[in-house]
PDB file of N, CA and C in Angstrom:
ATOM      1  N   MET A   1       0.848  -1.168   0.000  1.00  0.00           N
ATOM      2  CA  MET A   1       0.000   0.000   0.000  1.00  0.00           C
ATOM      3  C   MET A   1       0.896   1.233   0.000  1.00  0.00           C
ATOM      4  N   SER A   2       0.548   2.174  -0.857  1.00  0.00           N
ATOM      5  CA  SER A   2       1.322   3.412  -0.934  1.00  0.00           C
ATOM      6  C   SER A   2       0.876   4.386   0.154  1.00  0.00           C
ATOM      7  N   ILE A   3       1.685   5.407   0.358  1.00  0.00           N
ATOM      8  CA  ILE A   3       1.338   6.453   1.317  1.00  0.00           C
ATOM      9  C   ILE A   3       0.046   7.139   0.896  1.00  0.00           C
ATOM     10  N   GLU A   4      -0.132   7.362  -0.412  1.00  0.00           N
ATOM     11  CA  GLU A   4      -1.346   8.016  -0.903  1.00  0.00           C
ATOM     12  C   GLU A   4      -2.590   7.171  -0.622  1.00  0.00           C
ATOM     13  N   GLU A   5      -2.460   5.857  -0.842  1.00  0.00           N
ATOM     14  CA  GLU A   5      -3.596   4.973  -0.568  1.00  0.00           C
ATOM     15  C   GLU A   5      -3.922   4.950   0.921  1.00  0.00           C
ATOM     16  N   GLY A   6      -2.896   4.907   1.741  1.00  0.00           N
ATOM     17  CA  GLY A   6      -3.088   4.937   3.186  1.00  0.00           C
ATOM     18  C   GLY A   6      -3.775   6.220   3.626  1.00  0.00           C
ATOM     19  N   ARG A   7      -3.357   7.335   3.060  1.00  0.00           N
ATOM     20  CA  ARG A   7      -3.955   8.632   3.389  1.00  0.00           C
ATOM     21  C   ARG A   7      -5.422   8.661   2.965  1.00  0.00           C
ATOM     22  N   ALA A   8      -5.722   8.112   1.772  1.00  0.00           N
ATOM     23  CA  ALA A   8      -7.097   8.093   1.281  1.00  0.00           C
ATOM     24  C   ALA A   8      -7.993   7.273   2.215  1.00  0.00           C
ATOM     25  N   ILE A   9      -7.503   6.135   2.680  1.00  0.00           N
ATOM     26  CA  ILE A   9      -8.277   5.298   3.594  1.00  0.00           C
ATOM     27  C   ILE A   9      -8.473   6.021   4.930  1.00  0.00           C
ATOM     28  N   TYR A  10      -7.423   6.655   5.418  1.00  0.00           N
ATOM     29  CA  TYR A  10      -7.500   7.400   6.671  1.00  0.00           C
ATOM     30  C   TYR A  10      -8.515   8.542   6.557  1.00  0.00           C
ATOM     31  N   ASP A  11      -8.468   9.267   5.444  1.00  0.00           N
ATOM     32  CA  ASP A  11      -9.412  10.365   5.223  1.00  0.00           C
ATOM     33  C   ASP A  11     -10.854   9.858   5.142  1.00  0.00           C
ATOM     34  N   LEU A  12     -11.048   8.716   4.469  1.00  0.00           N
ATOM     35  CA  LEU A  12     -12.386   8.126   4.379  1.00  0.00           C
ATOM     36  C   LEU A  12     -12.898   7.755   5.769  1.00  0.00           C
ATOM     37  N   ALA A  13     -12.048   7.138   6.570  1.00  0.00           N
ATOM     38  CA  ALA A  13     -12.444   6.784   7.937  1.00  0.00           C
ATOM     39  C   ALA A  13     -12.813   8.043   8.716  1.00  0.00           C
ATOM     40  N   GLY A  14     -12.090   9.122   8.498  1.00  0.00           N
ATOM     41  CA  GLY A  14     -12.387  10.384   9.172  1.00  0.00           C
ATOM     42  C   GLY A  14     -13.731  10.961   8.771  1.00  0.00           C
ATOM     43  N   ARG A  15     -14.151  10.711   7.537  1.00  0.00           N
ATOM     44  CA  ARG A  15     -15.473  11.175   7.077  1.00  0.00           C
ATOM     45  C   ARG A  15     -16.588  10.290   7.619  1.00  0.00           C
ATOM     46  N   LEU A  16     -16.326   8.980   7.681  1.00  0.00           N
ATOM     47  CA  LEU A  16     -17.374   8.035   8.071  1.00  0.00           C
ATOM     48  C   LEU A  16     -17.565   7.925   9.587  1.00  0.00           C
ATOM     49  N   PHE A  17     -16.484   8.048  10.351  1.00  0.00           N
ATOM     50  CA  PHE A  17     -16.557   7.795  11.790  1.00  0.00           C
ATOM     51  C   PHE A  17     -17.578   8.674  12.520  1.00  0.00           C
ATOM     52  N   PRO A  18     -17.640   9.978  12.260  1.00  0.00           N
ATOM     53  CA  PRO A  18     -18.553  10.809  13.047  1.00  0.00           C
ATOM     54  C   PRO A  18     -20.042  10.647  12.710  1.00  0.00           C
ATOM     55  N   ILE A  19     -20.367   9.924  11.652  1.00  0.00           N
ATOM     56  CA  ILE A  19     -21.775   9.783  11.259  1.00  0.00           C
ATOM     57  C   ILE A  19     -22.476   8.841  12.239  1.00  0.00           C
ATOM     58  N   CYS A  20     -23.584   9.306  12.780  1.00  0.00           N
ATOM     59  CA  CYS A  20     -24.386   8.495  13.697  1.00  0.00           C
ATOM     60  C   CYS A  20     -25.241   7.534  12.872  1.00  0.00           C
ATOM     61  N   ARG A  21     -24.987   6.226  13.043  1.00  0.00           N
ATOM     62  CA  ARG A  21     -25.694   5.219  12.251  1.00  0.00           C
ATOM     63  C   ARG A  21     -26.391   4.215  13.151  1.00  0.00           C
ATOM     64  N   SER A  22     -27.515   3.729  12.668  1.00  0.00           N
ATOM     65  CA  SER A  22     -28.165   2.545  13.221  1.00  0.00           C
ATOM     66  C   SER A  22     -28.552   1.717  12.003  1.00  0.00           C
ATOM     67  N   ILE A  23     -29.381   0.748  12.171  1.00  0.00           N
ATOM     68  CA  ILE A  23     -29.717  -0.110  11.025  1.00  0.00           C
ATOM     69  C   ILE A  23     -30.582   0.611   9.990  1.00  0.00           C
ATOM     70  N   THR A  24     -31.221   1.697  10.392  1.00  0.00           N
ATOM     71  CA  THR A  24     -32.037   2.483   9.466  1.00  0.00           C
ATOM     72  C   THR A  24     -31.746   3.957   9.686  1.00  0.00           C
ATOM     73  N   GLY A  25     -32.147   4.787   8.779  1.00  0.00           N
ATOM     74  CA  GLY A  25     -32.101   6.220   9.011  1.00  0.00           C
ATOM     75  C   GLY A  25     -31.120   6.993   8.158  1.00  0.00           C
ATOM     76  N   ASP A  26     -31.055   8.270   8.439  1.00  0.00           N
ATOM     77  CA  ASP A  26     -30.267   9.193   7.626  1.00  0.00           C
ATOM     78  C   ASP A  26     -28.762   8.938   7.704  1.00  0.00           C
ATOM     79  N   GLY A  27     -28.276   8.462   8.848  1.00  0.00           N
ATOM     80  CA  GLY A  27     -26.853   8.167   8.967  1.00  0.00           C
ATOM     81  C   GLY A  27     -26.415   7.072   8.009  1.00  0.00           C
ATOM     82  N   VAL A  28     -27.250   6.064   7.856  1.00  0.00           N
ATOM     83  CA  VAL A  28     -26.956   4.984   6.905  1.00  0.00           C
ATOM     84  C   VAL A  28     -26.987   5.528   5.480  1.00  0.00           C
ATOM     85  N   ARG A  29     -27.979   6.353   5.182  1.00  0.00           N
ATOM     86  CA  ARG A  29     -28.073   6.941   3.839  1.00  0.00           C
ATOM     87  C   ARG A  29     -26.836   7.787   3.526  1.00  0.00           C
ATOM     88  N   GLU A  30     -26.412   8.603   4.487  1.00  0.00           N
ATOM     89  CA  GLU A  30     -25.232   9.446   4.286  1.00  0.00           C
ATOM     90  C   GLU A  30     -23.981   8.597   4.075  1.00  0.00           C
ATOM     91  N   THR A  31     -23.837   7.529   4.866  1.00  0.00           N
ATOM     92  CA  THR A  31     -22.698   6.625   4.729  1.00  0.00           C
ATOM     93  C   THR A  31     -22.685   5.973   3.355  1.00  0.00           C
ATOM     94  N   LEU A  32     -23.839   5.456   2.926  1.00  0.00           N
ATOM     95  CA  LEU A  32     -23.918   4.799   1.626  1.00  0.00           C
ATOM     96  C   LEU A  32     -23.625   5.770   0.485  1.00  0.00           C
ATOM     97  N   LYS A  33     -24.061   7.013   0.629  1.00  0.00           N
ATOM     98  CA  LYS A  33     -23.801   8.029  -0.395  1.00  0.00           C
ATOM     99  C   LYS A  33     -22.290   8.280  -0.536  1.00  0.00           C
ATOM    100  N   ILE A  34     -21.597   8.348   0.583  1.00  0.00           N
ATOM    101  CA  ILE A  34     -20.142   8.536   0.556  1.00  0.00           C
ATOM    102  C   ILE A  34     -19.476   7.326  -0.099  1.00  0.00           C
ATOM    103  N   LEU A  35     -19.897   6.130   0.274  1.00  0.00           N
ATOM    104  CA  LEU A  35     -19.299   4.915  -0.296  1.00  0.00           C
ATOM    105  C   LEU A  35     -19.599   4.793  -1.787  1.00  0.00           C
ATOM    106  N   LYS A  36     -20.773   5.250  -2.201  1.00  0.00           N
ATOM    107  CA  LYS A  36     -21.129   5.202  -3.626  1.00  0.00           C
ATOM    108  C   LYS A  36     -20.234   6.125  -4.451  1.00  0.00           C
ATOM    109  N   ASP A  37     -19.747   7.214  -3.851  1.00  0.00           N
ATOM    110  CA  ASP A  37     -18.800   8.080  -4.553  1.00  0.00           C
ATOM    111  C   ASP A  37     -17.520   7.333  -4.897  1.00  0.00           C
ATOM    112  N   ILE A  38     -17.168   6.343  -4.090  1.00  0.00           N
ATOM    113  CA  ILE A  38     -15.957   5.545  -4.316  1.00  0.00           C
ATOM    114  C   ILE A  38     -16.267   4.354  -5.209  1.00  0.00           C
ATOM    115  N   CYS A  39     -17.363   3.675  -4.919  1.00  0.00           N
ATOM    116  CA  CYS A  39     -17.786   2.477  -5.672  1.00  0.00           C
ATOM    117  C   CYS A  39     -18.941   2.875  -6.572  1.00  0.00           C
ATOM    118  N   ARG A  40     -18.641   3.445  -7.702  1.00  0.00           N
ATOM    119  CA  ARG A  40     -19.656   4.043  -8.574  1.00  0.00           C
ATOM    120  C   ARG A  40     -20.712   3.059  -9.073  1.00  0.00           C
ATOM    121  N   ASN A  41     -20.378   1.772  -9.139  1.00  0.00           N
ATOM    122  CA  ASN A  41     -21.352   0.775  -9.610  1.00  0.00           C
ATOM    123  C   ASN A  41     -22.280   0.292  -8.508  1.00  0.00           C
ATOM    124  N   MET A  42     -22.054   0.738  -7.273  1.00  0.00           N
ATOM    125  CA  MET A  42     -22.877   0.307  -6.154  1.00  0.00           C
ATOM    126  C   MET A  42     -24.312   0.807  -6.341  1.00  0.00           C
ATOM    127  N   LYS A  43     -25.258  -0.068  -6.085  1.00  0.00           N
ATOM    128  CA  LYS A  43     -26.668   0.305  -6.164  1.00  0.00           C
ATOM    129  C   LYS A  43     -27.243   0.333  -4.762  1.00  0.00           C
ATOM    130  N   ILE A  44     -28.012   1.364  -4.477  1.00  0.00           N
ATOM    131  CA  ILE A  44     -28.628   1.525  -3.168  1.00  0.00           C
ATOM    132  C   ILE A  44     -30.131   1.322  -3.336  1.00  0.00           C
ATOM    133  N   HIS A  45     -30.669   0.425  -2.548  1.00  0.00           N
ATOM    134  CA  HIS A  45     -32.100   0.138  -2.575  1.00  0.00           C
ATOM    135  C   HIS A  45     -32.682   0.471  -1.212  1.00  0.00           C
ATOM    136  N   GLU A  46     -33.881   0.990  -1.195  1.00  0.00           N
ATOM    137  CA  GLU A  46     -34.578   1.262   0.061  1.00  0.00           C
ATOM    138  C   GLU A  46     -35.871   0.472   0.081  1.00  0.00           C
ATOM    139  N   ALA A  47     -36.246   0.074   1.281  1.00  0.00           N
ATOM    140  CA  ALA A  47     -37.516  -0.633   1.474  1.00  0.00           C
ATOM    141  C   ALA A  47     -38.286   0.097   2.564  1.00  0.00           C
ATOM    142  N   PRO A  48     -39.570   0.341   2.347  1.00  0.00           N
ATOM    143  CA  PRO A  48     -40.352   1.062   3.352  1.00  0.00           C
ATOM    144  C   PRO A  48     -40.539   0.252   4.634  1.00  0.00           C
ATOM    145  N   THR A  49     -40.783   0.973   5.716  1.00  0.00           N
ATOM    146  CA  THR A  49     -41.091   0.351   6.998  1.00  0.00           C
ATOM    147  C   THR A  49     -42.211  -0.671   6.815  1.00  0.00           C
ATOM    148  N   GLY A  50     -42.021  -1.815   7.458  1.00  0.00           N
ATOM    149  CA  GLY A  50     -43.046  -2.859   7.396  1.00  0.00           C
ATOM    150  C   GLY A  50     -42.832  -3.863   6.286  1.00  0.00           C
ATOM    151  N   THR A  51     -41.879  -3.611   5.388  1.00  0.00           N
ATOM    152  CA  THR A  51     -41.609  -4.550   4.301  1.00  0.00           C
ATOM    153  C   THR A  51     -40.982  -5.818   4.867  1.00  0.00           C
ATOM    154  N   LYS A  52     -41.502  -6.962   4.442  1.00  0.00           N
ATOM    155  CA  LYS A  52     -40.947  -8.235   4.881  1.00  0.00           C
ATOM    156  C   LYS A  52     -39.734  -8.571   4.007  1.00  0.00           C
ATOM    157  N   ALA A  53     -38.654  -8.933   4.671  1.00  0.00           N
ATOM    158  CA  ALA A  53     -37.417  -9.325   3.989  1.00  0.00           C
ATOM    159  C   ALA A  53     -36.966 -10.644   4.599  1.00  0.00           C
ATOM    160  N   PHE A  54     -37.282 -11.736   3.933  1.00  0.00           N
ATOM    161  CA  PHE A  54     -37.015 -13.085   4.445  1.00  0.00           C
ATOM    162  C   PHE A  54     -37.716 -13.252   5.790  1.00  0.00           C
ATOM    163  N   ASP A  55     -36.970 -13.467   6.887  1.00  0.00           N
ATOM    164  CA  ASP A  55     -37.604 -13.678   8.187  1.00  0.00           C
ATOM    165  C   ASP A  55     -37.550 -12.400   9.043  1.00  0.00           C
ATOM    166  N   TRP A  56     -37.413 -11.269   8.419  1.00  0.00           N
ATOM    167  CA  TRP A  56     -37.229  -9.981   9.088  1.00  0.00           C
ATOM    168  C   TRP A  56     -38.220  -8.991   8.500  1.00  0.00           C
ATOM    169  N   VAL A  57     -38.615  -8.006   9.278  1.00  0.00           N
ATOM    170  CA  VAL A  57     -39.493  -6.928   8.800  1.00  0.00           C
ATOM    171  C   VAL A  57     -38.742  -5.613   9.005  1.00  0.00           C
ATOM    172  N   VAL A  58     -38.709  -4.779   7.972  1.00  0.00           N
ATOM    173  CA  VAL A  58     -38.012  -3.496   8.047  1.00  0.00           C
ATOM    174  C   VAL A  58     -38.635  -2.663   9.163  1.00  0.00           C
ATOM    175  N   PRO A  59     -37.817  -2.249  10.149  1.00  0.00           N
ATOM    176  CA  PRO A  59     -38.360  -1.487  11.289  1.00  0.00           C
ATOM    177  C   PRO A  59     -38.621  -0.040  10.957  1.00  0.00           C
ATOM    178  N   LYS A  60     -39.292   0.651  11.880  1.00  0.00           N
ATOM    179  CA  LYS A  60     -39.485   2.102  11.753  1.00  0.00           C
ATOM    180  C   LYS A  60     -38.141   2.793  11.959  1.00  0.00           C
ATOM    181  N   GLU A  61     -37.985   3.942  11.322  1.00  0.00           N
ATOM    182  CA  GLU A  61     -36.753   4.710  11.511  1.00  0.00           C
ATOM    183  C   GLU A  61     -36.765   5.381  12.853  1.00  0.00           C
TER     184      GLU A  61
END
């Protein structure tokens, strides 16, 4: 790993660490938006509260 790559990872961690996240909510959306800037092919899907996903139901935010 080069110094530049190390710095980029460190800077990314500095952007992501202060975001307040739980399993749902704006913190997750903000985190995914930042990661999508790096991984341009990443697709983000949202499911409304109450949606059944296998043996789980999407909770309220």
